Amino acid sequence: MSHALYSTALLWHVTRGVAKLHGVLAAVGEPLMLMGRRVAEIDYIPEIGRRSILFAGEPLRDMTDAEVRAADALLIELTQ
């Protein structure tokens, strides 16, 4: 999914990703951690309600509310 279509997104796939908050874009090149756990894949695009996550060694699933709050905080941190 292209981050260019949305003003806010956190996208990560195995070794790279992007963080974008209200149009401010930042590349993410180091392992992405969320709530102290390594993320293998995340597609978080609040504008369209997409919120899927895959932690290493687990199946892909919808994010919990706590994970969404953590992703929002991470977006702020990564785009400052």
Protein backbone atom coordinates (compact mmCIF):
# COMPACT_ATOMS: atom_id res chain seq x y z
CA MET A 1 0.00 0.00 0.00
CA SER A 2 1.40 3.40 -0.93
CA HIS A 3 1.97 5.93 1.82
CA ALA A 4 1.59 8.71 -0.77
CA LEU A 5 -2.18 8.31 -0.72
CA TYR A 6 -2.57 9.10 3.01
CA SER A 7 -1.55 11.87 5.38
CA THR A 8 -0.86 9.47 8.27
CA ALA A 9 0.57 5.95 8.09
CA LEU A 10 2.98 3.61 9.81
CA LEU A 11 4.14 0.94 7.39
CA TRP A 12 6.84 -1.63 8.05
CA HIS A 13 7.74 -4.78 6.14
CA VAL A 14 10.59 -6.96 7.46
CA THR A 15 13.55 -4.56 7.07
CA ARG A 16 12.23 -1.12 6.14
CA GLY A 17 9.29 1.18 6.35
CA VAL A 18 7.91 4.68 6.60
CA ALA A 19 6.31 6.78 9.27
CA LYS A 20 4.10 9.61 8.10
CA LEU A 21 2.14 11.93 10.38
CA HIS A 22 -0.01 14.71 8.95
CA GLY A 23 2.14 14.74 5.80
CA VAL A 24 5.52 14.71 7.59
CA LEU A 25 7.42 11.69 6.24
CA ALA A 26 10.31 9.79 7.83
CA ALA A 27 12.05 6.65 6.58
CA VAL A 28 12.44 3.89 9.14
CA GLY A 29 15.49 1.72 8.56
CA GLU A 30 16.16 0.03 11.86
CA PRO A 31 14.11 -2.76 13.44
CA LEU A 32 10.72 -1.41 14.44
CA MET A 33 9.73 -2.02 18.04
CA LEU A 34 6.25 -1.52 19.45
CA MET A 35 5.44 -2.01 23.12
CA GLY A 36 8.83 -3.68 23.61
CA ARG A 37 8.29 -6.25 20.86
CA ARG A 38 9.88 -6.54 17.43
CA VAL A 39 7.46 -5.88 14.58
CA ALA A 40 7.78 -8.02 11.46
CA GLU A 41 5.01 -6.16 9.59
CA ILE A 42 2.60 -3.33 10.31
CA ASP A 43 0.05 -1.60 8.12
CA TYR A 44 -1.43 1.18 10.21
CA ILE A 45 -3.39 3.75 8.21
CA PRO A 46 -5.95 5.39 10.49
CA GLU A 47 -7.67 7.32 7.68
CA ILE A 48 -9.07 4.11 6.22
CA GLY A 49 -9.26 2.05 9.40
CA ARG A 50 -6.41 -0.26 8.40
CA ARG A 51 -4.63 -1.58 11.48
CA SER A 52 -2.90 -4.90 11.02
CA ILE A 53 0.24 -6.11 12.77
CA LEU A 54 2.53 -9.09 12.67
CA PHE A 55 4.96 -9.58 15.51
CA ALA A 56 7.90 -11.91 14.89
CA GLY A 57 6.75 -15.52 15.26
CA GLU A 58 3.03 -14.71 15.40
CA PRO A 59 0.20 -14.62 12.85
CA LEU A 60 -0.98 -11.41 11.20
CA ARG A 61 -3.89 -9.87 13.13
CA ASP A 62 -5.76 -6.64 13.87
CA MET A 63 -4.07 -4.27 16.30
CA THR A 64 -5.44 -3.91 19.80
CA ASP A 65 -6.47 -0.47 21.10
CA ALA A 66 -3.29 -0.37 23.20
CA GLU A 67 -1.18 -1.11 20.12
CA VAL A 68 -2.95 1.66 18.21
CA ARG A 69 -2.15 4.13 21.01
CA ALA A 70 1.47 2.94 21.00
CA ALA A 71 1.64 3.30 17.20
CA ASP A 72 0.29 6.86 17.45
CA ALA A 73 2.98 7.71 20.00
CA LEU A 74 5.64 6.10 17.81
CA LEU A 75 4.49 8.12 14.81
CA ILE A 76 4.97 11.32 16.80
CA GLU A 77 8.44 10.22 17.91
CA LEU A 78 9.60 9.14 14.46
CA THR A 79 8.36 12.22 12.59
CA GLN A 80 9.75 14.92 14.91
